[in-house]
Amino acid sequence: MIAANMFEQKLTTAAIAASLAVDGQTVRRWRRVFDAAGRDGLRARPHAGRTPMLTEDQRQRLGEMLERTPAECGLLDHYLWTTQLISELIAREFRVTYHHDHVGVLLGRLGFTHQKPARRARERDEDKIQAWRREAWPALLKKASTPAASS
């Protein structure tokens, strides 16, 4: 838009190129667009990019599948979704191959977020933990607050 202002001031290509630190050929291309379409022609537009390999219906179906466990989707030996596993699922279900690194991008577009499962012992007993916090922890705090207590 700065170049458009300069075009309207009838500045030379060389002066505009020097002022904006661009090549003269770039300024000439901008001027051709400006002369043909005005300021609207110079506005930035998003690039369309490549056509998605999965259709909207397939992406919706994939999202529904990912809300289930891998075992429910026929991947019996797995408990958690990984990008590699999702890549294999897409190939099996839709006959489309995605590199597992790109699957994360696809999941982001579907509204999924990267989550790391909490590491917890299977033997963990929440009731015992709460009881310890209610009973043992306050007693330990009382002992630590005495002047003779050392850590």
C-alpha atoms as a PDB file:
ATOM      1  CA  MET A   1       0.000   0.000   0.000  1.00  0.00           C
ATOM      2  CA  ILE A   2       2.989   2.281   0.521  1.00  0.00           C
ATOM      3  CA  ALA A   3       3.940   1.655  -3.098  1.00  0.00           C
ATOM      4  CA  ALA A   4       0.364   2.540  -4.155  1.00  0.00           C
ATOM      5  CA  ASN A   5       0.716   5.877  -2.347  1.00  0.00           C
ATOM      6  CA  MET A   6       3.985   6.471  -4.195  1.00  0.00           C
ATOM      7  CA  PHE A   7       2.392   5.532  -7.548  1.00  0.00           C
ATOM      8  CA  GLU A   8      -0.293   8.138  -6.913  1.00  0.00           C
ATOM      9  CA  GLN A   9       2.460  10.709  -6.165  1.00  0.00           C
ATOM     10  CA  LYS A  10       3.966   9.871  -9.591  1.00  0.00           C
ATOM     11  CA  LEU A  11       7.343   8.865  -8.119  1.00  0.00           C
ATOM     12  CA  THR A  12       9.766   7.018 -10.362  1.00  0.00           C
ATOM     13  CA  THR A  13      10.331   3.271 -10.216  1.00  0.00           C
ATOM     14  CA  ALA A  14      13.912   3.817  -9.048  1.00  0.00           C
ATOM     15  CA  ALA A  15      12.828   6.123  -6.208  1.00  0.00           C
ATOM     16  CA  ILE A  16      10.168   3.658  -5.017  1.00  0.00           C
ATOM     17  CA  ALA A  17      12.564   0.703  -5.248  1.00  0.00           C
ATOM     18  CA  ALA A  18      15.228   2.547  -3.251  1.00  0.00           C
ATOM     19  CA  SER A  19      12.739   3.748  -0.638  1.00  0.00           C
ATOM     20  CA  LEU A  20      11.216   0.285  -0.095  1.00  0.00           C
ATOM     21  CA  ALA A  21      14.499  -1.637  -0.507  1.00  0.00           C
ATOM     22  CA  VAL A  22      13.134  -3.848  -3.283  1.00  0.00           C
ATOM     23  CA  ASP A  23      14.187  -4.565  -6.830  1.00  0.00           C
ATOM     24  CA  GLY A  24      12.974  -2.290  -9.627  1.00  0.00           C
ATOM     25  CA  GLN A  25      11.400  -5.280 -11.372  1.00  0.00           C
ATOM     26  CA  THR A  26       9.190  -5.842  -8.293  1.00  0.00           C
ATOM     27  CA  VAL A  27       8.057  -2.214  -8.382  1.00  0.00           C
ATOM     28  CA  ARG A  28       7.237  -2.499 -12.113  1.00  0.00           C
ATOM     29  CA  ARG A  29       5.149  -5.648 -11.429  1.00  0.00           C
ATOM     30  CA  TRP A  30       3.317  -3.842  -8.617  1.00  0.00           C
ATOM     31  CA  ARG A  31       2.681  -0.883 -10.933  1.00  0.00           C
ATOM     32  CA  ARG A  32       1.173  -3.135 -13.625  1.00  0.00           C
ATOM     33  CA  VAL A  33      -1.166  -4.671 -11.037  1.00  0.00           C
ATOM     34  CA  PHE A  34      -2.003  -1.238  -9.629  1.00  0.00           C
ATOM     35  CA  ASP A  35      -2.780   0.154 -13.090  1.00  0.00           C
ATOM     36  CA  ALA A  36      -5.006  -2.835 -13.902  1.00  0.00           C
ATOM     37  CA  ALA A  37      -6.834  -3.384 -10.587  1.00  0.00           C
ATOM     38  CA  GLY A  38      -6.028  -0.431  -8.320  1.00  0.00           C
ATOM     39  CA  ARG A  39      -5.308  -0.821  -4.609  1.00  0.00           C
ATOM     40  CA  ASP A  40      -7.477  -3.959  -4.372  1.00  0.00           C
ATOM     41  CA  GLY A  41      -5.129  -5.708  -6.782  1.00  0.00           C
ATOM     42  CA  LEU A  42      -2.221  -5.117  -4.403  1.00  0.00           C
ATOM     43  CA  ARG A  43      -3.960  -6.488  -1.305  1.00  0.00           C
ATOM     44  CA  ALA A  44      -2.479  -9.660   0.131  1.00  0.00           C
ATOM     45  CA  ARG A  45      -4.559 -12.764  -0.441  1.00  0.00           C
ATOM     46  CA  PRO A  46      -4.120 -16.175   1.131  1.00  0.00           C
ATOM     47  CA  HIS A  47      -2.737 -18.825  -1.159  1.00  0.00           C
ATOM     48  CA  ALA A  48      -5.152 -21.650  -1.847  1.00  0.00           C
ATOM     49  CA  GLY A  49      -2.569 -24.364  -1.353  1.00  0.00           C
ATOM     50  CA  ARG A  50      -2.840 -27.966  -2.369  1.00  0.00           C
ATOM     51  CA  THR A  51      -6.228 -29.671  -2.531  1.00  0.00           C
ATOM     52  CA  PRO A  52      -6.707 -31.743   0.647  1.00  0.00           C
ATOM     53  CA  MET A  53      -6.267 -35.483   0.114  1.00  0.00           C
ATOM     54  CA  LEU A  54      -9.158 -36.288   2.475  1.00  0.00           C
ATOM     55  CA  THR A  55     -12.627 -34.992   1.701  1.00  0.00           C
ATOM     56  CA  GLU A  56     -14.602 -33.117   4.352  1.00  0.00           C
ATOM     57  CA  ASP A  57     -16.705 -36.235   4.989  1.00  0.00           C
ATOM     58  CA  GLN A  58     -13.578 -38.360   5.409  1.00  0.00           C
ATOM     59  CA  ARG A  59     -12.078 -35.858   7.854  1.00  0.00           C
ATOM     60  CA  GLN A  60     -15.293 -35.860   9.860  1.00  0.00           C
ATOM     61  CA  ARG A  61     -15.324 -39.663   9.902  1.00  0.00           C
ATOM     62  CA  LEU A  62     -11.668 -39.709  11.001  1.00  0.00           C
ATOM     63  CA  GLY A  63     -12.514 -37.359  13.879  1.00  0.00           C
ATOM     64  CA  GLU A  64     -15.310 -39.686  14.967  1.00  0.00           C
ATOM     65  CA  MET A  65     -12.955 -42.676  14.804  1.00  0.00           C
ATOM     66  CA  LEU A  66     -10.326 -40.921  16.920  1.00  0.00           C
ATOM     67  CA  GLU A  67     -12.837 -40.359  19.697  1.00  0.00           C
ATOM     68  CA  ARG A  68     -12.791 -44.126  20.191  1.00  0.00           C
ATOM     69  CA  THR A  69      -9.833 -46.196  21.328  1.00  0.00           C
ATOM     70  CA  PRO A  70      -7.453 -47.806  18.842  1.00  0.00           C
ATOM     71  CA  ALA A  71      -8.742 -51.234  19.943  1.00  0.00           C
ATOM     72  CA  GLU A  72     -12.308 -50.201  19.051  1.00  0.00           C
ATOM     73  CA  CYS A  73     -11.044 -49.254  15.586  1.00  0.00           C
ATOM     74  CA  GLY A  74      -9.542 -52.707  15.019  1.00  0.00           C
ATOM     75  CA  LEU A  75      -6.013 -51.981  16.238  1.00  0.00           C
ATOM     76  CA  LEU A  76      -6.097 -54.506  19.059  1.00  0.00           C
ATOM     77  CA  ASP A  77      -2.521 -54.238  20.326  1.00  0.00           C
ATOM     78  CA  HIS A  78      -2.673 -50.490  20.970  1.00  0.00           C
ATOM     79  CA  TYR A  79      -4.104 -48.424  23.824  1.00  0.00           C
ATOM     80  CA  LEU A  80      -3.170 -44.861  22.830  1.00  0.00           C
ATOM     81  CA  TRP A  81      -3.304 -42.970  19.553  1.00  0.00           C
ATOM     82  CA  THR A  82       0.046 -41.920  18.068  1.00  0.00           C
ATOM     83  CA  THR A  83       0.602 -40.008  14.846  1.00  0.00           C
ATOM     84  CA  GLN A  84       2.169 -43.136  13.320  1.00  0.00           C
ATOM     85  CA  LEU A  85      -0.883 -45.187  14.265  1.00  0.00           C
ATOM     86  CA  ILE A  86      -3.277 -42.534  12.939  1.00  0.00           C
ATOM     87  CA  SER A  87      -1.305 -42.444   9.689  1.00  0.00           C
ATOM     88  CA  GLU A  88      -1.778 -46.210   9.373  1.00  0.00           C
ATOM     89  CA  LEU A  89      -5.494 -45.863  10.157  1.00  0.00           C
ATOM     90  CA  ILE A  90      -5.921 -43.221   7.435  1.00  0.00           C
ATOM     91  CA  ALA A  91      -4.125 -45.432   4.917  1.00  0.00           C
ATOM     92  CA  ARG A  92      -6.255 -48.446   5.856  1.00  0.00           C
ATOM     93  CA  GLU A  93      -9.615 -46.672   5.958  1.00  0.00           C
ATOM     94  CA  PHE A  94      -9.296 -44.047   3.219  1.00  0.00           C
ATOM     95  CA  ARG A  95      -6.463 -45.356   1.000  1.00  0.00           C
ATOM     96  CA  VAL A  96      -4.597 -42.064   1.482  1.00  0.00           C
ATOM     97  CA  THR A  97      -1.037 -41.880   2.762  1.00  0.00           C
ATOM     98  CA  TYR A  98       0.129 -39.126   5.097  1.00  0.00           C
ATOM     99  CA  HIS A  99       3.552 -38.891   6.670  1.00  0.00           C
ATOM    100  CA  HIS A 100       3.120 -39.321  10.404  1.00  0.00           C
ATOM    101  CA  ASP A 101       4.699 -35.888  11.035  1.00  0.00           C
ATOM    102  CA  HIS A 102       1.955 -34.231   8.962  1.00  0.00           C
ATOM    103  CA  VAL A 103      -0.783 -36.082  10.839  1.00  0.00           C
ATOM    104  CA  GLY A 104      -0.274 -33.650  13.742  1.00  0.00           C
ATOM    105  CA  VAL A 105      -1.132 -30.740  11.415  1.00  0.00           C
ATOM    106  CA  LEU A 106      -4.218 -32.590  10.205  1.00  0.00           C
ATOM    107  CA  LEU A 107      -5.295 -33.279  13.795  1.00  0.00           C
ATOM    108  CA  GLY A 108      -4.893 -29.604  14.664  1.00  0.00           C
ATOM    109  CA  ARG A 109      -7.248 -28.678  11.814  1.00  0.00           C
ATOM    110  CA  LEU A 110      -9.746 -31.198  13.173  1.00  0.00           C
ATOM    111  CA  GLY A 111      -9.604 -29.535  16.592  1.00  0.00           C
ATOM    112  CA  PHE A 112      -7.573 -32.192  18.375  1.00  0.00           C
ATOM    113  CA  THR A 113      -4.709 -31.198  20.641  1.00  0.00           C
ATOM    114  CA  HIS A 114      -1.494 -32.996  21.499  1.00  0.00           C
ATOM    115  CA  GLN A 115      -1.846 -34.634  24.847  1.00  0.00           C
ATOM    116  CA  LYS A 116       0.609 -36.682  26.802  1.00  0.00           C
ATOM    117  CA  PRO A 117      -0.905 -39.286  29.091  1.00  0.00           C
ATOM    118  CA  ALA A 118      -0.262 -38.905  32.795  1.00  0.00           C
ATOM    119  CA  ARG A 119       2.146 -41.530  34.074  1.00  0.00           C
ATOM    120  CA  ARG A 120       0.517 -43.143  37.055  1.00  0.00           C
ATOM    121  CA  ALA A 121       1.082 -46.434  38.734  1.00  0.00           C
ATOM    122  CA  ARG A 122      -1.633 -49.024  38.194  1.00  0.00           C
ATOM    123  CA  GLU A 123      -1.565 -49.733  41.912  1.00  0.00           C
ATOM    124  CA  ARG A 124      -2.328 -46.086  42.744  1.00  0.00           C
ATOM    125  CA  ASP A 125      -5.082 -45.848  45.383  1.00  0.00           C
ATOM    126  CA  GLU A 126      -6.689 -42.398  45.431  1.00  0.00           C
ATOM    127  CA  ASP A 127      -8.487 -43.066  48.741  1.00  0.00           C
ATOM    128  CA  LYS A 128      -5.223 -43.887  50.528  1.00  0.00           C
ATOM    129  CA  ILE A 129      -3.568 -40.804  49.051  1.00  0.00           C
ATOM    130  CA  GLN A 130      -6.379 -38.539  50.280  1.00  0.00           C
ATOM    131  CA  ALA A 131      -6.270 -40.146  53.734  1.00  0.00           C
ATOM    132  CA  TRP A 132      -2.498 -39.555  53.927  1.00  0.00           C
ATOM    133  CA  ARG A 133      -2.991 -35.908  52.940  1.00  0.00           C
ATOM    134  CA  ARG A 134      -5.678 -35.457  55.619  1.00  0.00           C
ATOM    135  CA  GLU A 135      -3.890 -37.261  58.460  1.00  0.00           C
ATOM    136  CA  ALA A 136      -0.151 -37.788  57.987  1.00  0.00           C
ATOM    137  CA  TRP A 137       0.758 -34.594  56.120  1.00  0.00           C
ATOM    138  CA  PRO A 138      -0.627 -32.133  58.721  1.00  0.00           C
ATOM    139  CA  ALA A 139       1.216 -34.040  61.466  1.00  0.00           C
ATOM    140  CA  LEU A 140       4.463 -33.759  59.507  1.00  0.00           C
ATOM    141  CA  LEU A 141       3.905 -30.027  59.013  1.00  0.00           C
ATOM    142  CA  LYS A 142       3.411 -29.546  62.754  1.00  0.00           C
ATOM    143  CA  LYS A 143       6.688 -31.334  63.515  1.00  0.00           C
ATOM    144  CA  ALA A 144       8.558 -29.260  60.937  1.00  0.00           C
ATOM    145  CA  SER A 145       7.287 -25.975  62.363  1.00  0.00           C
ATOM    146  CA  THR A 146       8.840 -26.580  65.805  1.00  0.00           C
ATOM    147  CA  PRO A 147      12.126 -24.738  66.452  1.00  0.00           C
ATOM    148  CA  ALA A 148      14.036 -27.941  67.156  1.00  0.00           C
ATOM    149  CA  ALA A 149      12.950 -29.575  63.897  1.00  0.00           C
ATOM    150  CA  SER A 150      15.563 -29.889  61.180  1.00  0.00           C
ATOM    151  CA  SER A 151      15.149 -30.969  57.617  1.00  0.00           C
END
